[in-house]
Amino acid sequence: MSKKTRLALFDLDHTLLPIDSDYSWGVFTQEIGWTDPVVFKRRNDEFYEHYKAGTLDVHDYVRFATEAIRLRGREASQRARERFLREVIGPAVRPEALALVRAHQAAGDHTVIVTATNEFVTEPIARLFGVQDLVAVRLATGADGWITGEIEGVPSMRGGKVARMDQWLRERGLGWDSVETTFYSDSTNDLPLLERVDQPVATNPDERLRAIAAQRGWRILDLFSPIP
């Protein structure tokens, strides 16, 4: 019998990071003067509350969240993202999270970040964690090669994370029966994937997920306390 490939899957926001990178990027665009500090903040807060409640329309949110970079263009947006990574994300990365990823890699596990945040924000964050494989919300591009504000394919959110992992496995000639999977997540938004993997780990879980994990006997990992 061939040995199964071991996969360690990680949600990103509030799981590997103690902050929400998508929301934080929105705050950052306010701070650098790209978005209206009053109107944008109100809508960003509203979308974030919908996300936490599991009612977010991800298509509407992505149009909203990418408007500033669509208008500013590729070069300015990439420069801003480098600054965001340096000033916001870098200081938020905790050694405990890095150690968790490294431990799986040292054990020979293939690591994948599976996030509902878009690829523009998360690609450099995945590299920061040393994770080569990223399953994130893909952004459609227009004739000019720059993003349009629409989503390409299935968004990696809620049940979409399972669909995208189905695709990821097929592209590598794998199936769920040929892998041994662990998934770390903080949110009930990720219940579909938590229920699909072999080893679900409720990581820094919200109250609802903590209760579900306790009831089902899932492992609970308090990796760190969230930043207020």
C-alpha atoms as a PDB file:
ATOM      1  CA  MET A   1       0.000   0.000   0.000  1.00  0.00           C
ATOM      2  CA  SER A   2       1.399   3.382  -0.983  1.00  0.00           C
ATOM      3  CA  LYS A   3       1.875   5.955   1.742  1.00  0.00           C
ATOM      4  CA  LYS A   4      -0.620   8.799   1.723  1.00  0.00           C
ATOM      5  CA  THR A   5       0.534  12.350   1.029  1.00  0.00           C
ATOM      6  CA  ARG A   6       0.141  14.426   4.180  1.00  0.00           C
ATOM      7  CA  LEU A   7      -1.339  17.898   3.728  1.00  0.00           C
ATOM      8  CA  ALA A   8      -1.400  20.643   6.347  1.00  0.00           C
ATOM      9  CA  LEU A   9      -3.971  23.259   5.356  1.00  0.00           C
ATOM     10  CA  PHE A  10      -4.140  26.634   7.057  1.00  0.00           C
ATOM     11  CA  ASP A  11      -6.705  29.377   7.029  1.00  0.00           C
ATOM     12  CA  LEU A  12      -4.899  32.718   7.221  1.00  0.00           C
ATOM     13  CA  ASP A  13      -6.771  35.503   9.007  1.00  0.00           C
ATOM     14  CA  HIS A  14      -7.066  34.976  12.785  1.00  0.00           C
ATOM     15  CA  THR A  15      -5.539  31.532  12.296  1.00  0.00           C
ATOM     16  CA  LEU A  16      -1.932  32.070  11.195  1.00  0.00           C
ATOM     17  CA  LEU A  17      -2.280  35.829  11.595  1.00  0.00           C
ATOM     18  CA  PRO A  18      -3.797  37.446  14.690  1.00  0.00           C
ATOM     19  CA  ILE A  19      -5.418  40.048  12.406  1.00  0.00           C
ATOM     20  CA  ASP A  20      -7.635  40.007   9.326  1.00  0.00           C
ATOM     21  CA  SER A  21      -5.348  40.846   6.400  1.00  0.00           C
ATOM     22  CA  ASP A  22      -8.241  41.822   4.110  1.00  0.00           C
ATOM     23  CA  TYR A  23      -9.774  44.217   6.627  1.00  0.00           C
ATOM     24  CA  SER A  24      -6.321  45.541   7.563  1.00  0.00           C
ATOM     25  CA  TRP A  25      -5.529  46.263   3.912  1.00  0.00           C
ATOM     26  CA  GLY A  26      -8.701  48.359   3.784  1.00  0.00           C
ATOM     27  CA  VAL A  27      -7.613  50.290   6.871  1.00  0.00           C
ATOM     28  CA  PHE A  28      -4.191  50.774   5.300  1.00  0.00           C
ATOM     29  CA  THR A  29      -5.713  52.290   2.140  1.00  0.00           C
ATOM     30  CA  GLN A  30      -7.463  54.816   4.383  1.00  0.00           C
ATOM     31  CA  GLU A  31      -4.213  55.679   6.121  1.00  0.00           C
ATOM     32  CA  ILE A  32      -2.359  56.347   2.869  1.00  0.00           C
ATOM     33  CA  GLY A  33      -5.200  58.479   1.536  1.00  0.00           C
ATOM     34  CA  TRP A  34      -6.519  56.124  -1.126  1.00  0.00           C
ATOM     35  CA  THR A  35     -10.011  55.799   0.317  1.00  0.00           C
ATOM     36  CA  ASP A  36     -12.442  58.072   2.124  1.00  0.00           C
ATOM     37  CA  PRO A  37     -11.779  57.681   5.857  1.00  0.00           C
ATOM     38  CA  VAL A  38     -15.463  57.922   6.796  1.00  0.00           C
ATOM     39  CA  VAL A  39     -17.384  56.271   3.963  1.00  0.00           C
ATOM     40  CA  PHE A  40     -14.858  53.489   3.360  1.00  0.00           C
ATOM     41  CA  LYS A  41     -14.503  52.678   7.054  1.00  0.00           C
ATOM     42  CA  ARG A  42     -18.257  52.387   7.503  1.00  0.00           C
ATOM     43  CA  ARG A  43     -18.628  50.011   4.544  1.00  0.00           C
ATOM     44  CA  ASN A  44     -15.490  48.045   5.468  1.00  0.00           C
ATOM     45  CA  ASP A  45     -16.843  47.549   8.988  1.00  0.00           C
ATOM     46  CA  GLU A  46     -20.226  46.463   7.608  1.00  0.00           C
ATOM     47  CA  PHE A  47     -18.650  43.891   5.297  1.00  0.00           C
ATOM     48  CA  TYR A  48     -16.493  42.563   8.133  1.00  0.00           C
ATOM     49  CA  GLU A  49     -19.532  42.073  10.369  1.00  0.00           C
ATOM     50  CA  HIS A  50     -21.251  40.177   7.548  1.00  0.00           C
ATOM     51  CA  TYR A  51     -18.162  37.978   7.190  1.00  0.00           C
ATOM     52  CA  LYS A  52     -18.142  37.142  10.891  1.00  0.00           C
ATOM     53  CA  ALA A  53     -21.877  36.361  10.712  1.00  0.00           C
ATOM     54  CA  GLY A  54     -21.408  34.124   7.668  1.00  0.00           C
ATOM     55  CA  THR A  55     -23.599  36.342   5.459  1.00  0.00           C
ATOM     56  CA  LEU A  56     -20.988  38.094   3.337  1.00  0.00           C
ATOM     57  CA  ASP A  57     -21.606  38.456  -0.408  1.00  0.00           C
ATOM     58  CA  VAL A  58     -18.006  37.879  -1.455  1.00  0.00           C
ATOM     59  CA  HIS A  59     -18.517  39.252  -4.973  1.00  0.00           C
ATOM     60  CA  ASP A  60     -19.805  42.589  -3.656  1.00  0.00           C
ATOM     61  CA  TYR A  61     -17.025  42.692  -1.113  1.00  0.00           C
ATOM     62  CA  VAL A  62     -14.249  42.039  -3.635  1.00  0.00           C
ATOM     63  CA  ARG A  63     -15.547  44.803  -5.917  1.00  0.00           C
ATOM     64  CA  PHE A  64     -15.479  47.150  -2.943  1.00  0.00           C
ATOM     65  CA  ALA A  65     -12.129  45.992  -1.534  1.00  0.00           C
ATOM     66  CA  THR A  66     -10.265  46.173  -4.859  1.00  0.00           C
ATOM     67  CA  GLU A  67     -11.625  49.499  -6.077  1.00  0.00           C
ATOM     68  CA  ALA A  68      -8.648  51.499  -4.814  1.00  0.00           C
ATOM     69  CA  ILE A  69      -6.049  49.282  -6.487  1.00  0.00           C
ATOM     70  CA  ARG A  70      -8.073  49.144  -9.695  1.00  0.00           C
ATOM     71  CA  LEU A  71      -8.013  52.929  -9.849  1.00  0.00           C
ATOM     72  CA  ARG A  72      -4.372  53.343  -8.805  1.00  0.00           C
ATOM     73  CA  GLY A  73      -2.969  50.780 -11.230  1.00  0.00           C
ATOM     74  CA  ARG A  74      -0.457  47.976 -10.984  1.00  0.00           C
ATOM     75  CA  GLU A  75       2.789  49.789 -10.112  1.00  0.00           C
ATOM     76  CA  ALA A  76       1.385  52.045  -7.399  1.00  0.00           C
ATOM     77  CA  SER A  77      -0.633  49.173  -5.934  1.00  0.00           C
ATOM     78  CA  GLN A  78       2.352  46.845  -5.759  1.00  0.00           C
ATOM     79  CA  ARG A  79       4.436  49.526  -4.054  1.00  0.00           C
ATOM     80  CA  ALA A  80       1.644  50.075  -1.528  1.00  0.00           C
ATOM     81  CA  ARG A  81       1.397  46.323  -0.945  1.00  0.00           C
ATOM     82  CA  GLU A  82       5.128  46.125  -0.210  1.00  0.00           C
ATOM     83  CA  ARG A  83       4.718  48.875   2.368  1.00  0.00           C
ATOM     84  CA  PHE A  84       1.654  47.120   3.831  1.00  0.00           C
ATOM     85  CA  LEU A  85       3.626  43.905   4.161  1.00  0.00           C
ATOM     86  CA  ARG A  86       6.491  45.726   5.855  1.00  0.00           C
ATOM     87  CA  GLU A  87       4.487  47.987   8.181  1.00  0.00           C
ATOM     88  CA  VAL A  88       1.361  45.940   8.999  1.00  0.00           C
ATOM     89  CA  ILE A  89       1.790  42.246   8.227  1.00  0.00           C
ATOM     90  CA  GLY A  90       5.415  41.745   9.229  1.00  0.00           C
ATOM     91  CA  PRO A  91       4.963  43.041  12.781  1.00  0.00           C
ATOM     92  CA  ALA A  92       1.802  40.919  13.170  1.00  0.00           C
ATOM     93  CA  VAL A  93       3.462  37.610  12.314  1.00  0.00           C
ATOM     94  CA  ARG A  94       3.888  35.633  15.526  1.00  0.00           C
ATOM     95  CA  PRO A  95       6.684  33.126  16.146  1.00  0.00           C
ATOM     96  CA  GLU A  96       4.100  30.579  17.297  1.00  0.00           C
ATOM     97  CA  ALA A  97       2.444  30.608  13.878  1.00  0.00           C
ATOM     98  CA  LEU A  98       5.747  30.350  12.039  1.00  0.00           C
ATOM     99  CA  ALA A  99       6.760  27.470  14.303  1.00  0.00           C
ATOM    100  CA  LEU A 100       3.507  25.616  13.564  1.00  0.00           C
ATOM    101  CA  VAL A 101       4.050  25.844   9.813  1.00  0.00           C
ATOM    102  CA  ARG A 102       7.716  24.899  10.119  1.00  0.00           C
ATOM    103  CA  ALA A 103       6.872  21.878  12.286  1.00  0.00           C
ATOM    104  CA  HIS A 104       4.586  20.486   9.596  1.00  0.00           C
ATOM    105  CA  GLN A 105       7.164  21.150   6.911  1.00  0.00           C
ATOM    106  CA  ALA A 106       9.897  19.500   8.980  1.00  0.00           C
ATOM    107  CA  ALA A 107       7.632  16.451   9.349  1.00  0.00           C
ATOM    108  CA  GLY A 108       7.391  16.212   5.567  1.00  0.00           C
ATOM    109  CA  ASP A 109       3.856  17.577   5.269  1.00  0.00           C
ATOM    110  CA  HIS A 110       2.874  19.635   2.223  1.00  0.00           C
ATOM    111  CA  THR A 111       1.616  23.017   3.473  1.00  0.00           C
ATOM    112  CA  VAL A 112      -1.151  25.024   1.805  1.00  0.00           C
ATOM    113  CA  ILE A 113      -2.790  28.291   2.838  1.00  0.00           C
ATOM    114  CA  VAL A 114      -6.509  28.230   2.010  1.00  0.00           C
ATOM    115  CA  THR A 115      -8.037  31.676   2.479  1.00  0.00           C
ATOM    116  CA  ALA A 116     -11.094  33.710   1.541  1.00  0.00           C
ATOM    117  CA  THR A 117      -8.896  36.797   1.131  1.00  0.00           C
ATOM    118  CA  ASN A 118      -7.915  37.696  -2.411  1.00  0.00           C
ATOM    119  CA  GLU A 119      -4.624  36.710  -3.994  1.00  0.00           C
ATOM    120  CA  PHE A 120      -3.347  40.291  -4.378  1.00  0.00           C
ATOM    121  CA  VAL A 121      -3.246  40.694  -0.607  1.00  0.00           C
ATOM    122  CA  THR A 122      -2.229  37.155   0.317  1.00  0.00           C
ATOM    123  CA  GLU A 123       0.427  36.078  -2.192  1.00  0.00           C
ATOM    124  CA  PRO A 124       3.280  37.899  -0.418  1.00  0.00           C
ATOM    125  CA  ILE A 125       1.953  36.811   2.992  1.00  0.00           C
ATOM    126  CA  ALA A 126       2.124  33.158   1.954  1.00  0.00           C
ATOM    127  CA  ARG A 127       5.732  33.704   0.883  1.00  0.00           C
ATOM    128  CA  LEU A 128       6.442  35.332   4.238  1.00  0.00           C
ATOM    129  CA  PHE A 129       5.319  32.113   5.922  1.00  0.00           C
ATOM    130  CA  GLY A 130       7.373  30.030   3.505  1.00  0.00           C
ATOM    131  CA  VAL A 131       4.255  28.388   2.038  1.00  0.00           C
ATOM    132  CA  GLN A 132       4.452  27.939  -1.723  1.00  0.00           C
ATOM    133  CA  ASP A 133       0.892  26.762  -2.337  1.00  0.00           C
ATOM    134  CA  LEU A 134      -1.873  29.313  -1.911  1.00  0.00           C
ATOM    135  CA  VAL A 135      -5.580  28.797  -2.513  1.00  0.00           C
ATOM    136  CA  ALA A 136      -7.100  32.290  -2.406  1.00  0.00           C
ATOM    137  CA  VAL A 137      -9.814  34.283  -4.136  1.00  0.00           C
ATOM    138  CA  ARG A 138      -8.603  34.688  -7.712  1.00  0.00           C
ATOM    139  CA  LEU A 139      -9.069  38.116  -9.270  1.00  0.00           C
ATOM    140  CA  ALA A 140     -10.197  38.358 -12.883  1.00  0.00           C
ATOM    141  CA  THR A 141      -8.121  40.571 -15.173  1.00  0.00           C
ATOM    142  CA  GLY A 142      -9.094  42.642 -18.186  1.00  0.00           C
ATOM    143  CA  ALA A 143      -7.471  43.206 -21.569  1.00  0.00           C
ATOM    144  CA  ASP A 144      -4.843  45.419 -19.914  1.00  0.00           C
ATOM    145  CA  GLY A 145      -3.809  42.586 -17.609  1.00  0.00           C
ATOM    146  CA  TRP A 146      -4.957  44.411 -14.479  1.00  0.00           C
ATOM    147  CA  ILE A 147      -7.730  43.358 -12.147  1.00  0.00           C
ATOM    148  CA  THR A 148     -11.353  44.175 -12.951  1.00  0.00           C
ATOM    149  CA  GLY A 149     -12.880  43.755  -9.497  1.00  0.00           C
ATOM    150  CA  GLU A 150     -14.587  40.506 -10.431  1.00  0.00           C
ATOM    151  CA  ILE A 151     -13.751  37.033  -9.151  1.00  0.00           C
ATOM    152  CA  GLU A 152     -12.353  34.368 -11.436  1.00  0.00           C
ATOM    153  CA  GLY A 153     -13.801  30.917 -10.854  1.00  0.00           C
ATOM    154  CA  VAL A 154     -15.083  29.675  -7.517  1.00  0.00           C
ATOM    155  CA  PRO A 155     -14.260  31.953  -4.573  1.00  0.00           C
ATOM    156  CA  SER A 156     -12.404  30.126  -1.795  1.00  0.00           C
ATOM    157  CA  MET A 157     -14.969  30.923   0.869  1.00  0.00           C
ATOM    158  CA  ARG A 158     -17.213  28.643   2.925  1.00  0.00           C
ATOM    159  CA  GLY A 159     -18.072  25.643   0.714  1.00  0.00           C
ATOM    160  CA  GLY A 160     -15.927  27.151  -2.026  1.00  0.00           C
ATOM    161  CA  LYS A 161     -12.841  26.153  -0.049  1.00  0.00           C
ATOM    162  CA  VAL A 162     -13.794  22.506  -0.497  1.00  0.00           C
ATOM    163  CA  ALA A 163     -14.438  23.025  -4.218  1.00  0.00           C
ATOM    164  CA  ARG A 164     -11.107  24.753  -4.688  1.00  0.00           C
ATOM    165  CA  MET A 165      -9.278  22.026  -2.759  1.00  0.00           C
ATOM    166  CA  ASP A 166     -11.054  19.427  -4.928  1.00  0.00           C
ATOM    167  CA  GLN A 167      -9.566  21.233  -7.926  1.00  0.00           C
ATOM    168  CA  TRP A 168      -6.144  21.563  -6.305  1.00  0.00           C
ATOM    169  CA  LEU A 169      -6.037  17.823  -5.660  1.00  0.00           C
ATOM    170  CA  ARG A 170      -7.209  16.887  -9.174  1.00  0.00           C
ATOM    171  CA  GLU A 171      -4.544  19.094 -10.745  1.00  0.00           C
ATOM    172  CA  ARG A 172      -1.925  17.059  -8.897  1.00  0.00           C
ATOM    173  CA  GLY A 173      -3.408  13.677  -9.658  1.00  0.00           C
ATOM    174  CA  LEU A 174      -4.635  13.290  -6.086  1.00  0.00           C
ATOM    175  CA  GLY A 175      -7.955  12.688  -4.386  1.00  0.00           C
ATOM    176  CA  TRP A 176      -9.236  12.957  -0.841  1.00  0.00           C
ATOM    177  CA  ASP A 177      -8.725   9.220  -0.440  1.00  0.00           C
ATOM    178  CA  SER A 178      -5.034   9.498  -1.323  1.00  0.00           C
ATOM    179  CA  VAL A 179      -4.139  12.242   1.156  1.00  0.00           C
ATOM    180  CA  GLU A 180      -4.139  12.646   4.915  1.00  0.00           C
ATOM    181  CA  THR A 181      -5.350  16.126   5.717  1.00  0.00           C
ATOM    182  CA  THR A 182      -5.187  18.496   8.675  1.00  0.00           C
ATOM    183  CA  PHE A 183      -6.910  21.891   8.533  1.00  0.00           C
ATOM    184  CA  TYR A 184      -6.454  24.775  10.961  1.00  0.00           C
ATOM    185  CA  SER A 185      -9.167  27.445  11.103  1.00  0.00           C
ATOM    186  CA  ASP A 186     -10.692  29.940  13.519  1.00  0.00           C
ATOM    187  CA  SER A 187     -14.139  30.385  11.971  1.00  0.00           C
ATOM    188  CA  THR A 188     -17.454  28.644  11.427  1.00  0.00           C
ATOM    189  CA  ASN A 189     -17.245  30.001   7.875  1.00  0.00           C
ATOM    190  CA  ASP A 190     -14.804  27.135   7.344  1.00  0.00           C
ATOM    191  CA  LEU A 191     -17.024  24.350   8.661  1.00  0.00           C
ATOM    192  CA  PRO A 192     -17.387  22.741   5.198  1.00  0.00           C
ATOM    193  CA  LEU A 193     -13.632  22.171   4.928  1.00  0.00           C
ATOM    194  CA  LEU A 194     -13.199  21.368   8.616  1.00  0.00           C
ATOM    195  CA  GLU A 195     -15.801  18.631   8.172  1.00  0.00           C
ATOM    196  CA  ARG A 196     -14.092  17.323   5.027  1.00  0.00           C
ATOM    197  CA  VAL A 197     -10.551  16.819   6.336  1.00  0.00           C
ATOM    198  CA  ASP A 198      -9.198  13.991   8.469  1.00  0.00           C
ATOM    199  CA  GLN A 199      -7.969  16.196  11.323  1.00  0.00           C
ATOM    200  CA  PRO A 200      -9.887  19.440  11.912  1.00  0.00           C
ATOM    201  CA  VAL A 201      -8.191  21.838  14.323  1.00  0.00           C
ATOM    202  CA  ALA A 202     -10.199  24.760  15.711  1.00  0.00           C
ATOM    203  CA  THR A 203      -7.455  27.354  15.971  1.00  0.00           C
ATOM    204  CA  ASN A 204      -8.014  30.534  17.999  1.00  0.00           C
ATOM    205  CA  PRO A 205     -11.683  29.682  17.428  1.00  0.00           C
ATOM    206  CA  ASP A 206     -14.576  32.085  17.652  1.00  0.00           C
ATOM    207  CA  GLU A 207     -17.200  31.205  20.261  1.00  0.00           C
ATOM    208  CA  ARG A 208     -19.408  29.259  17.870  1.00  0.00           C
ATOM    209  CA  LEU A 209     -16.569  27.177  16.465  1.00  0.00           C
ATOM    210  CA  ARG A 210     -15.173  26.532  19.936  1.00  0.00           C
ATOM    211  CA  ALA A 211     -18.539  25.136  21.022  1.00  0.00           C
ATOM    212  CA  ILE A 212     -18.845  22.951  17.913  1.00  0.00           C
ATOM    213  CA  ALA A 213     -15.286  21.668  18.283  1.00  0.00           C
ATOM    214  CA  ALA A 214     -15.852  20.782  21.936  1.00  0.00           C
ATOM    215  CA  GLN A 215     -19.073  18.982  21.085  1.00  0.00           C
ATOM    216  CA  ARG A 216     -17.483  16.983  18.265  1.00  0.00           C
ATOM    217  CA  GLY A 217     -14.229  16.238  20.028  1.00  0.00           C
ATOM    218  CA  TRP A 218     -12.088  18.226  17.609  1.00  0.00           C
ATOM    219  CA  ARG A 219      -8.716  19.481  18.695  1.00  0.00           C
ATOM    220  CA  ILE A 220      -8.745  23.091  19.918  1.00  0.00           C
ATOM    221  CA  LEU A 221      -5.531  25.092  19.552  1.00  0.00           C
ATOM    222  CA  ASP A 222      -5.194  28.525  21.139  1.00  0.00           C
ATOM    223  CA  LEU A 223      -2.142  29.548  19.189  1.00  0.00           C
ATOM    224  CA  PHE A 224      -2.176  33.138  20.378  1.00  0.00           C
ATOM    225  CA  SER A 225      -4.512  35.798  21.660  1.00  0.00           C
ATOM    226  CA  PRO A 226      -5.926  38.064  18.932  1.00  0.00           C
ATOM    227  CA  ILE A 227      -4.689  41.634  18.761  1.00  0.00           C
ATOM    228  CA  PRO A 228      -7.521  43.954  19.925  1.00  0.00           C
END
